[in-house]
Amino acid sequence: ETAFNERGMPCHVNNLGPSLKIWLTDLEPSFDAYCNLDIRVLYLFLLAVNVEGILLSTPTQRSIFLSFAHTDEDIEMTIDAVNSSLDKYNFREVL
């Protein structure tokens, strides 16, 4: 959330255990709100992170999984890829 918010983009992350989902919205979290979101920008973001060398999630899955198998280095590489993608592409303009 921090990486998005620092760039003026609304973001909410839902998590249940090791599973995370990113929602690019400032709406109050609810099933109805999320069912009506345009997720095309999220698809583009996930593809941009993939181009950076990190398979965060597939656009059709949209779930991100963290586990004890991920090292601190893996997590740092993921954070770097997210930041690079957000800096490289102007996702905020199309939200």
PDB file of N, CA and C in Angstrom:
ATOM      1  N   GLU A   1       0.824  -1.195   0.000  1.00  0.00           N
ATOM      2  CA  GLU A   1       0.000   0.000   0.000  1.00  0.00           C
ATOM      3  C   GLU A   1       0.866   1.255   0.000  1.00  0.00           C
ATOM      4  N   THR A   2       1.948   1.213   0.741  1.00  0.00           N
ATOM      5  CA  THR A   2       2.802   2.392   0.866  1.00  0.00           C
ATOM      6  C   THR A   2       3.340   2.844  -0.484  1.00  0.00           C
ATOM      7  N   ALA A   3       3.820   1.906  -1.293  1.00  0.00           N
ATOM      8  CA  ALA A   3       4.387   2.261  -2.603  1.00  0.00           C
ATOM      9  C   ALA A   3       3.355   2.965  -3.471  1.00  0.00           C
ATOM     10  N   PHE A   4       2.115   2.508  -3.436  1.00  0.00           N
ATOM     11  CA  PHE A   4       1.054   3.132  -4.221  1.00  0.00           C
ATOM     12  C   PHE A   4       0.695   4.498  -3.642  1.00  0.00           C
ATOM     13  N   ASN A   5       0.492   4.540  -2.331  1.00  0.00           N
ATOM     14  CA  ASN A   5       0.080   5.788  -1.681  1.00  0.00           C
ATOM     15  C   ASN A   5       1.118   6.887  -1.837  1.00  0.00           C
ATOM     16  N   GLU A   6       2.401   6.536  -1.804  1.00  0.00           N
ATOM     17  CA  GLU A   6       3.456   7.534  -1.996  1.00  0.00           C
ATOM     18  C   GLU A   6       3.390   8.179  -3.378  1.00  0.00           C
ATOM     19  N   ARG A   7       2.756   7.497  -4.312  1.00  0.00           N
ATOM     20  CA  ARG A   7       2.628   8.004  -5.681  1.00  0.00           C
ATOM     21  C   ARG A   7       1.230   8.549  -5.958  1.00  0.00           C
ATOM     22  N   GLY A   8       0.459   8.758  -4.898  1.00  0.00           N
ATOM     23  CA  GLY A   8      -0.870   9.333  -5.035  1.00  0.00           C
ATOM     24  C   GLY A   8      -1.910   8.389  -5.600  1.00  0.00           C
ATOM     25  N   MET A   9      -1.673   7.089  -5.441  1.00  0.00           N
ATOM     26  CA  MET A   9      -2.604   6.093  -5.956  1.00  0.00           C
ATOM     27  C   MET A   9      -3.332   5.421  -4.797  1.00  0.00           C
ATOM     28  N   PRO A  10      -4.655   5.306  -4.899  1.00  0.00           N
ATOM     29  CA  PRO A  10      -5.383   4.598  -3.853  1.00  0.00           C
ATOM     30  C   PRO A  10      -5.097   3.104  -3.934  1.00  0.00           C
ATOM     31  N   CYS A  11      -4.973   2.469  -2.794  1.00  0.00           N
ATOM     32  CA  CYS A  11      -4.682   1.037  -2.779  1.00  0.00           C
ATOM     33  C   CYS A  11      -5.157   0.441  -1.464  1.00  0.00           C
ATOM     34  N   HIS A  12      -5.703  -0.744  -1.556  1.00  0.00           N
ATOM     35  CA  HIS A  12      -6.071  -1.511  -0.371  1.00  0.00           C
ATOM     36  C   HIS A  12      -5.570  -2.933  -0.595  1.00  0.00           C
ATOM     37  N   VAL A  13      -4.959  -3.513   0.418  1.00  0.00           N
ATOM     38  CA  VAL A  13      -4.477  -4.889   0.330  1.00  0.00           C
ATOM     39  C   VAL A  13      -5.276  -5.734   1.310  1.00  0.00           C
ATOM     40  N   ASN A  14      -5.953  -6.738   0.777  1.00  0.00           N
ATOM     41  CA  ASN A  14      -6.650  -7.717   1.610  1.00  0.00           C
ATOM     42  C   ASN A  14      -5.712  -8.887   1.816  1.00  0.00           C
ATOM     43  N   ASN A  15      -5.723  -9.453   2.997  1.00  0.00           N
ATOM     44  CA  ASN A  15      -4.932 -10.661   3.179  1.00  0.00           C
ATOM     45  C   ASN A  15      -5.646 -11.643   4.086  1.00  0.00           C
ATOM     46  N   LEU A  16      -5.411 -12.899   3.792  1.00  0.00           N
ATOM     47  CA  LEU A  16      -5.883 -13.999   4.616  1.00  0.00           C
ATOM     48  C   LEU A  16      -4.722 -14.978   4.669  1.00  0.00           C
ATOM     49  N   GLY A  17      -4.038 -15.003   5.780  1.00  0.00           N
ATOM     50  CA  GLY A  17      -2.843 -15.841   5.876  1.00  0.00           C
ATOM     51  C   GLY A  17      -1.799 -15.369   4.877  1.00  0.00           C
ATOM     52  N   PRO A  18      -1.241 -16.290   4.103  1.00  0.00           N
ATOM     53  CA  PRO A  18      -0.181 -15.918   3.161  1.00  0.00           C
ATOM     54  C   PRO A  18      -0.700 -15.376   1.834  1.00  0.00           C
ATOM     55  N   SER A  19      -2.007 -15.288   1.668  1.00  0.00           N
ATOM     56  CA  SER A  19      -2.601 -14.839   0.404  1.00  0.00           C
ATOM     57  C   SER A  19      -2.963 -13.355   0.482  1.00  0.00           C
ATOM     58  N   LEU A  20      -2.516 -12.596  -0.520  1.00  0.00           N
ATOM     59  CA  LEU A  20      -2.796 -11.160  -0.586  1.00  0.00           C
ATOM     60  C   LEU A  20      -3.500 -10.835  -1.891  1.00  0.00           C
ATOM     61  N   LYS A  21      -4.362  -9.840  -1.853  1.00  0.00           N
ATOM     62  CA  LYS A  21      -4.965  -9.290  -3.070  1.00  0.00           C
ATOM     63  C   LYS A  21      -4.855  -7.783  -3.010  1.00  0.00           C
ATOM     64  N   ILE A  22      -4.473  -7.198  -4.151  1.00  0.00           N
ATOM     65  CA  ILE A  22      -4.347  -5.749  -4.255  1.00  0.00           C
ATOM     66  C   ILE A  22      -5.596  -5.206  -4.934  1.00  0.00           C
ATOM     67  N   TRP A  23      -6.143  -4.150  -4.366  1.00  0.00           N
ATOM     68  CA  TRP A  23      -7.282  -3.456  -4.957  1.00  0.00           C
ATOM     69  C   TRP A  23      -6.904  -1.986  -5.101  1.00  0.00           C
ATOM     70  N   LEU A  24      -6.952  -1.485  -6.318  1.00  0.00           N
ATOM     71  CA  LEU A  24      -6.596  -0.088  -6.571  1.00  0.00           C
ATOM     72  C   LEU A  24      -7.845   0.772  -6.454  1.00  0.00           C
ATOM     73  N   THR A  25      -8.173   1.106  -5.216  1.00  0.00           N
ATOM     74  CA  THR A  25      -9.378   1.877  -4.932  1.00  0.00           C
ATOM     75  C   THR A  25      -9.254   2.545  -3.569  1.00  0.00           C
ATOM     76  N   ASP A  26     -10.009   3.602  -3.395  1.00  0.00           N
ATOM     77  CA  ASP A  26     -10.116   4.199  -2.067  1.00  0.00           C
ATOM     78  C   ASP A  26     -11.504   3.948  -1.484  1.00  0.00           C
ATOM     79  N   LEU A  27     -12.287   3.090  -2.138  1.00  0.00           N
ATOM     80  CA  LEU A  27     -13.607   2.725  -1.624  1.00  0.00           C
ATOM     81  C   LEU A  27     -13.463   1.908  -0.344  1.00  0.00           C
ATOM     82  N   GLU A  28     -14.455   2.012   0.502  1.00  0.00           N
ATOM     83  CA  GLU A  28     -14.501   1.189   1.703  1.00  0.00           C
ATOM     84  C   GLU A  28     -14.548  -0.278   1.265  1.00  0.00           C
ATOM     85  N   PRO A  29     -13.685  -1.125   1.812  1.00  0.00           N
ATOM     86  CA  PRO A  29     -13.666  -2.527   1.392  1.00  0.00           C
ATOM     87  C   PRO A  29     -15.012  -3.211   1.602  1.00  0.00           C
ATOM     88  N   SER A  30     -15.532  -3.778   0.527  1.00  0.00           N
ATOM     89  CA  SER A  30     -16.759  -4.571   0.599  1.00  0.00           C
ATOM     90  C   SER A  30     -16.846  -5.433  -0.655  1.00  0.00           C
ATOM     91  N   PHE A  31     -17.579  -6.493  -0.564  1.00  0.00           N
ATOM     92  CA  PHE A  31     -17.751  -7.390  -1.701  1.00  0.00           C
ATOM     93  C   PHE A  31     -18.357  -6.644  -2.881  1.00  0.00           C
ATOM     94  N   ASP A  32     -19.418  -5.868  -2.634  1.00  0.00           N
ATOM     95  CA  ASP A  32     -20.085  -5.142  -3.719  1.00  0.00           C
ATOM     96  C   ASP A  32     -19.155  -4.134  -4.385  1.00  0.00           C
ATOM     97  N   ALA A  33     -18.389  -3.409  -3.590  1.00  0.00           N
ATOM     98  CA  ALA A  33     -17.472  -2.410  -4.156  1.00  0.00           C
ATOM     99  C   ALA A  33     -16.429  -3.089  -5.034  1.00  0.00           C
ATOM    100  N   TYR A  34     -15.871  -4.186  -4.570  1.00  0.00           N
ATOM    101  CA  TYR A  34     -14.808  -4.857  -5.313  1.00  0.00           C
ATOM    102  C   TYR A  34     -15.328  -5.559  -6.565  1.00  0.00           C
ATOM    103  N   CYS A  35     -16.558  -6.015  -6.530  1.00  0.00           N
ATOM    104  CA  CYS A  35     -17.132  -6.672  -7.718  1.00  0.00           C
ATOM    105  C   CYS A  35     -17.295  -5.702  -8.879  1.00  0.00           C
ATOM    106  N   ASN A  36     -17.418  -4.422  -8.588  1.00  0.00           N
ATOM    107  CA  ASN A  36     -17.662  -3.427  -9.631  1.00  0.00           C
ATOM    108  C   ASN A  36     -16.416  -2.642 -10.030  1.00  0.00           C
ATOM    109  N   LEU A  37     -15.242  -3.008  -9.526  1.00  0.00           N
ATOM    110  CA  LEU A  37     -14.022  -2.281  -9.861  1.00  0.00           C
ATOM    111  C   LEU A  37     -13.531  -2.624 -11.264  1.00  0.00           C
ATOM    112  N   ASP A  38     -12.976  -1.630 -11.925  1.00  0.00           N
ATOM    113  CA  ASP A  38     -12.290  -1.841 -13.197  1.00  0.00           C
ATOM    114  C   ASP A  38     -10.871  -2.287 -12.854  1.00  0.00           C
ATOM    115  N   ILE A  39     -10.539  -3.530 -13.165  1.00  0.00           N
ATOM    116  CA  ILE A  39      -9.246  -4.066 -12.748  1.00  0.00           C
ATOM    117  C   ILE A  39      -8.216  -4.074 -13.878  1.00  0.00           C
ATOM    118  N   ARG A  40      -8.494  -3.380 -14.963  1.00  0.00           N
ATOM    119  CA  ARG A  40      -7.541  -3.362 -16.078  1.00  0.00           C
ATOM    120  C   ARG A  40      -6.208  -2.739 -15.681  1.00  0.00           C
ATOM    121  N   VAL A  41      -6.217  -1.697 -14.866  1.00  0.00           N
ATOM    122  CA  VAL A  41      -4.959  -1.076 -14.434  1.00  0.00           C
ATOM    123  C   VAL A  41      -4.171  -2.054 -13.557  1.00  0.00           C
ATOM    124  N   LEU A  42      -4.865  -2.805 -12.724  1.00  0.00           N
ATOM    125  CA  LEU A  42      -4.190  -3.811 -11.906  1.00  0.00           C
ATOM    126  C   LEU A  42      -3.543  -4.864 -12.798  1.00  0.00           C
ATOM    127  N   TYR A  43      -4.241  -5.288 -13.855  1.00  0.00           N
ATOM    128  CA  TYR A  43      -3.662  -6.242 -14.810  1.00  0.00           C
ATOM    129  C   TYR A  43      -2.366  -5.690 -15.384  1.00  0.00           C
ATOM    130  N   LEU A  44      -2.397  -4.431 -15.804  1.00  0.00           N
ATOM    131  CA  LEU A  44      -1.208  -3.806 -16.389  1.00  0.00           C
ATOM    132  C   LEU A  44      -0.073  -3.719 -15.366  1.00  0.00           C
ATOM    133  N   PHE A  45      -0.409  -3.396 -14.131  1.00  0.00           N
ATOM    134  CA  PHE A  45       0.605  -3.342 -13.075  1.00  0.00           C
ATOM    135  C   PHE A  45       1.251  -4.713 -12.880  1.00  0.00           C
ATOM    136  N   LEU A  46       0.447  -5.761 -12.796  1.00  0.00           N
ATOM    137  CA  LEU A  46       0.992  -7.106 -12.596  1.00  0.00           C
ATOM    138  C   LEU A  46       1.895  -7.511 -13.759  1.00  0.00           C
ATOM    139  N   LEU A  47       1.512  -7.137 -14.975  1.00  0.00           N
ATOM    140  CA  LEU A  47       2.361  -7.422 -16.135  1.00  0.00           C
ATOM    141  C   LEU A  47       3.658  -6.621 -16.076  1.00  0.00           C
ATOM    142  N   ALA A  48       3.587  -5.374 -15.624  1.00  0.00           N
ATOM    143  CA  ALA A  48       4.787  -4.536 -15.510  1.00  0.00           C
ATOM    144  C   ALA A  48       5.767  -5.131 -14.500  1.00  0.00           C
ATOM    145  N   VAL A  49       5.262  -5.631 -13.391  1.00  0.00           N
ATOM    146  CA  VAL A  49       6.128  -6.264 -12.392  1.00  0.00           C
ATOM    147  C   VAL A  49       6.749  -7.532 -12.979  1.00  0.00           C
ATOM    148  N   ASN A  50       5.977  -8.250 -13.773  1.00  0.00           N
ATOM    149  CA  ASN A  50       6.486  -9.447 -14.444  1.00  0.00           C
ATOM    150  C   ASN A  50       7.640  -9.087 -15.375  1.00  0.00           C
ATOM    151  N   VAL A  51       7.511  -7.984 -16.101  1.00  0.00           N
ATOM    152  CA  VAL A  51       8.581  -7.516 -16.989  1.00  0.00           C
ATOM    153  C   VAL A  51       9.847  -7.215 -16.181  1.00  0.00           C
ATOM    154  N   GLU A  52       9.680  -6.796 -14.936  1.00  0.00           N
ATOM    155  CA  GLU A  52      10.824  -6.518 -14.060  1.00  0.00           C
ATOM    156  C   GLU A  52      11.460  -7.804 -13.523  1.00  0.00           C
ATOM    157  N   GLY A  53      10.890  -8.949 -13.876  1.00  0.00           N
ATOM    158  CA  GLY A  53      11.482 -10.228 -13.482  1.00  0.00           C
ATOM    159  C   GLY A  53      10.851 -10.896 -12.282  1.00  0.00           C
ATOM    160  N   ILE A  54       9.734 -10.374 -11.816  1.00  0.00           N
ATOM    161  CA  ILE A  54       9.056 -10.947 -10.651  1.00  0.00           C
ATOM    162  C   ILE A  54       7.640 -11.356 -11.051  1.00  0.00           C
ATOM    163  N   LEU A  55       7.321 -12.634 -10.868  1.00  0.00           N
ATOM    164  CA  LEU A  55       5.950 -13.083 -11.108  1.00  0.00           C
ATOM    165  C   LEU A  55       5.195 -12.915  -9.798  1.00  0.00           C
ATOM    166  N   LEU A  56       4.672 -11.716  -9.613  1.00  0.00           N
ATOM    167  CA  LEU A  56       3.925 -11.395  -8.396  1.00  0.00           C
ATOM    168  C   LEU A  56       2.617 -12.170  -8.383  1.00  0.00           C
ATOM    169  N   SER A  57       1.955 -12.169  -9.522  1.00  0.00           N
ATOM    170  CA  SER A  57       0.703 -12.891  -9.714  1.00  0.00           C
ATOM    171  C   SER A  57       0.374 -12.840 -11.191  1.00  0.00           C
ATOM    172  N   THR A  58      -0.440 -13.766 -11.634  1.00  0.00           N
ATOM    173  CA  THR A  58      -0.931 -13.665 -13.002  1.00  0.00           C
ATOM    174  C   THR A  58      -2.143 -12.745 -12.991  1.00  0.00           C
ATOM    175  N   PRO A  59      -2.385 -12.017 -14.077  1.00  0.00           N
ATOM    176  CA  PRO A  59      -3.540 -11.118 -14.096  1.00  0.00           C
ATOM    177  C   PRO A  59      -4.869 -11.824 -13.836  1.00  0.00           C
ATOM    178  N   THR A  60      -5.002 -13.057 -14.289  1.00  0.00           N
ATOM    179  CA  THR A  60      -6.274 -13.751 -14.073  1.00  0.00           C
ATOM    180  C   THR A  60      -6.410 -14.244 -12.637  1.00  0.00           C
ATOM    181  N   GLN A  61      -5.317 -14.553 -11.979  1.00  0.00           N
ATOM    182  CA  GLN A  61      -5.346 -15.039 -10.596  1.00  0.00           C
ATOM    183  C   GLN A  61      -5.507 -13.887  -9.608  1.00  0.00           C
ATOM    184  N   ARG A  62      -4.654 -12.871  -9.745  1.00  0.00           N
ATOM    185  CA  ARG A  62      -4.640 -11.676  -8.904  1.00  0.00           C
ATOM    186  C   ARG A  62      -4.352 -11.954  -7.439  1.00  0.00           C
ATOM    187  N   SER A  63      -3.961 -13.169  -7.089  1.00  0.00           N
ATOM    188  CA  SER A  63      -3.592 -13.470  -5.708  1.00  0.00           C
ATOM    189  C   SER A  63      -2.078 -13.535  -5.603  1.00  0.00           C
ATOM    190  N   ILE A  64      -1.561 -12.979  -4.542  1.00  0.00           N
ATOM    191  CA  ILE A  64      -0.133 -12.977  -4.272  1.00  0.00           C
ATOM    192  C   ILE A  64       0.079 -13.865  -3.050  1.00  0.00           C
ATOM    193  N   PHE A  65       1.041 -14.749  -3.134  1.00  0.00           N
ATOM    194  CA  PHE A  65       1.295 -15.666  -2.031  1.00  0.00           C
ATOM    195  C   PHE A  65       2.706 -15.464  -1.489  1.00  0.00           C
ATOM    196  N   LEU A  66       2.807 -15.281  -0.195  1.00  0.00           N
ATOM    197  CA  LEU A  66       4.090 -15.219   0.495  1.00  0.00           C
ATOM    198  C   LEU A  66       4.217 -16.455   1.373  1.00  0.00           C
ATOM    199  N   SER A  67       5.437 -16.964   1.473  1.00  0.00           N
ATOM    200  CA  SER A  67       5.647 -18.126   2.331  1.00  0.00           C
ATOM    201  C   SER A  67       7.016 -18.046   2.985  1.00  0.00           C
ATOM    202  N   PHE A  68       7.272 -18.982   3.870  1.00  0.00           N
ATOM    203  CA  PHE A  68       8.577 -19.038   4.521  1.00  0.00           C
ATOM    204  C   PHE A  68       9.670 -19.425   3.536  1.00  0.00           C
ATOM    205  N   ALA A  69       9.301 -19.893   2.355  1.00  0.00           N
ATOM    206  CA  ALA A  69      10.290 -20.205   1.320  1.00  0.00           C
ATOM    207  C   ALA A  69      10.886 -18.934   0.722  1.00  0.00           C
ATOM    208  N   HIS A  70      10.187 -17.806   0.841  1.00  0.00           N
ATOM    209  CA  HIS A  70      10.702 -16.533   0.335  1.00  0.00           C
ATOM    210  C   HIS A  70      11.735 -15.979   1.312  1.00  0.00           C
ATOM    211  N   THR A  71      12.895 -15.658   0.775  1.00  0.00           N
ATOM    212  CA  THR A  71      13.962 -15.093   1.602  1.00  0.00           C
ATOM    213  C   THR A  71      13.788 -13.582   1.708  1.00  0.00           C
ATOM    214  N   ASP A  72      14.537 -12.975   2.596  1.00  0.00           N
ATOM    215  CA  ASP A  72      14.536 -11.513   2.688  1.00  0.00           C
ATOM    216  C   ASP A  72      14.960 -10.904   1.355  1.00  0.00           C
ATOM    217  N   GLU A  73      15.907 -11.554   0.681  1.00  0.00           N
ATOM    218  CA  GLU A  73      16.353 -11.075  -0.629  1.00  0.00           C
ATOM    219  C   GLU A  73      15.218 -11.140  -1.652  1.00  0.00           C
ATOM    220  N   ASP A  74      14.430 -12.213  -1.627  1.00  0.00           N
ATOM    221  CA  ASP A  74      13.273 -12.326  -2.526  1.00  0.00           C
ATOM    222  C   ASP A  74      12.297 -11.180  -2.295  1.00  0.00           C
ATOM    223  N   ILE A  75      12.037 -10.888  -1.042  1.00  0.00           N
ATOM    224  CA  ILE A  75      11.084  -9.827  -0.710  1.00  0.00           C
ATOM    225  C   ILE A  75      11.631  -8.469  -1.134  1.00  0.00           C
ATOM    226  N   GLU A  76      12.923  -8.229  -0.917  1.00  0.00           N
ATOM    227  CA  GLU A  76      13.538  -6.968  -1.360  1.00  0.00           C
ATOM    228  C   GLU A  76      13.481  -6.832  -2.883  1.00  0.00           C
ATOM    229  N   MET A  77      13.738  -7.927  -3.600  1.00  0.00           N
ATOM    230  CA  MET A  77      13.660  -7.899  -5.066  1.00  0.00           C
ATOM    231  C   MET A  77      12.238  -7.582  -5.517  1.00  0.00           C
ATOM    232  N   THR A  78      11.255  -8.120  -4.811  1.00  0.00           N
ATOM    233  CA  THR A  78       9.855  -7.863  -5.144  1.00  0.00           C
ATOM    234  C   THR A  78       9.506  -6.403  -4.902  1.00  0.00           C
ATOM    235  N   ILE A  79       9.925  -5.870  -3.767  1.00  0.00           N
ATOM    236  CA  ILE A  79       9.676  -4.454  -3.462  1.00  0.00           C
ATOM    237  C   ILE A  79      10.332  -3.565  -4.511  1.00  0.00           C
ATOM    238  N   ASP A  80      11.561  -3.889  -4.893  1.00  0.00           N
ATOM    239  CA  ASP A  80      12.259  -3.112  -5.926  1.00  0.00           C
ATOM    240  C   ASP A  80      11.516  -3.165  -7.255  1.00  0.00           C
ATOM    241  N   ALA A  81      11.002  -4.345  -7.625  1.00  0.00           N
ATOM    242  CA  ALA A  81      10.267  -4.491  -8.886  1.00  0.00           C
ATOM    243  C   ALA A  81       8.962  -3.702  -8.856  1.00  0.00           C
ATOM    244  N   VAL A  82       8.283  -3.713  -7.722  1.00  0.00           N
ATOM    245  CA  VAL A  82       7.046  -2.939  -7.579  1.00  0.00           C
ATOM    246  C   VAL A  82       7.349  -1.452  -7.719  1.00  0.00           C
ATOM    247  N   ASN A  83       8.356  -0.975  -7.005  1.00  0.00           N
ATOM    248  CA  ASN A  83       8.712   0.444  -7.084  1.00  0.00           C
ATOM    249  C   ASN A  83       9.149   0.837  -8.488  1.00  0.00           C
ATOM    250  N   SER A  84       9.943   0.004  -9.124  1.00  0.00           N
ATOM    251  CA  SER A  84      10.396   0.289 -10.484  1.00  0.00           C
ATOM    252  C   SER A  84       9.215   0.367 -11.448  1.00  0.00           C
ATOM    253  N   SER A  85       8.283  -0.564 -11.320  1.00  0.00           N
ATOM    254  CA  SER A  85       7.101  -0.569 -12.194  1.00  0.00           C
ATOM    255  C   SER A  85       6.251   0.673 -11.984  1.00  0.00           C
ATOM    256  N   LEU A  86       6.059   1.050 -10.728  1.00  0.00           N
ATOM    257  CA  LEU A  86       5.248   2.234 -10.443  1.00  0.00           C
ATOM    258  C   LEU A  86       5.932   3.511 -10.915  1.00  0.00           C
ATOM    259  N   ASP A  87       7.264   3.533 -10.891  1.00  0.00           N
ATOM    260  CA  ASP A  87       7.999   4.706 -11.370  1.00  0.00           C
ATOM    261  C   ASP A  87       8.062   4.763 -12.894  1.00  0.00           C
ATOM    262  N   LYS A  88       8.121   3.606 -13.520  1.00  0.00           N
ATOM    263  CA  LYS A  88       8.302   3.533 -14.968  1.00  0.00           C
ATOM    264  C   LYS A  88       7.017   3.857 -15.738  1.00  0.00           C
ATOM    265  N   TYR A  89       5.885   3.447 -15.192  1.00  0.00           N
ATOM    266  CA  TYR A  89       4.602   3.615 -15.877  1.00  0.00           C
ATOM    267  C   TYR A  89       3.695   4.509 -15.041  1.00  0.00           C
ATOM    268  N   ASN A  90       2.940   5.349 -15.694  1.00  0.00           N
ATOM    269  CA  ASN A  90       2.084   6.302 -14.988  1.00  0.00           C
ATOM    270  C   ASN A  90       0.680   5.717 -14.796  1.00  0.00           C
ATOM    271  N   PHE A  91       0.573   4.751 -13.911  1.00  0.00           N
ATOM    272  CA  PHE A  91      -0.711   4.102 -13.662  1.00  0.00           C
ATOM    273  C   PHE A  91      -1.733   5.065 -13.072  1.00  0.00           C
ATOM    274  N   ARG A  92      -1.270   6.036 -12.312  1.00  0.00           N
ATOM    275  CA  ARG A  92      -2.182   6.984 -11.653  1.00  0.00           C
ATOM    276  C   ARG A  92      -3.037   7.733 -12.668  1.00  0.00           C
ATOM    277  N   GLU A  93      -2.481   8.018 -13.833  1.00  0.00           N
ATOM    278  CA  GLU A  93      -3.204   8.778 -14.859  1.00  0.00           C
ATOM    279  C   GLU A  93      -4.421   8.039 -15.402  1.00  0.00           C
ATOM    280  N   VAL A  94      -4.415   6.718 -15.318  1.00  0.00           N
ATOM    281  CA  VAL A  94      -5.520   5.955 -15.905  1.00  0.00           C
ATOM    282  C   VAL A  94      -6.486   5.405 -14.872  1.00  0.00           C
ATOM    283  N   LEU A  95      -6.246   5.708 -13.597  1.00  0.00           N
ATOM    284  CA  LEU A  95      -7.190   5.254 -12.563  1.00  0.00           C
ATOM    285  C   LEU A  95      -8.447   6.090 -12.572  1.00  0.00           C
TER     286      LEU A  95
END
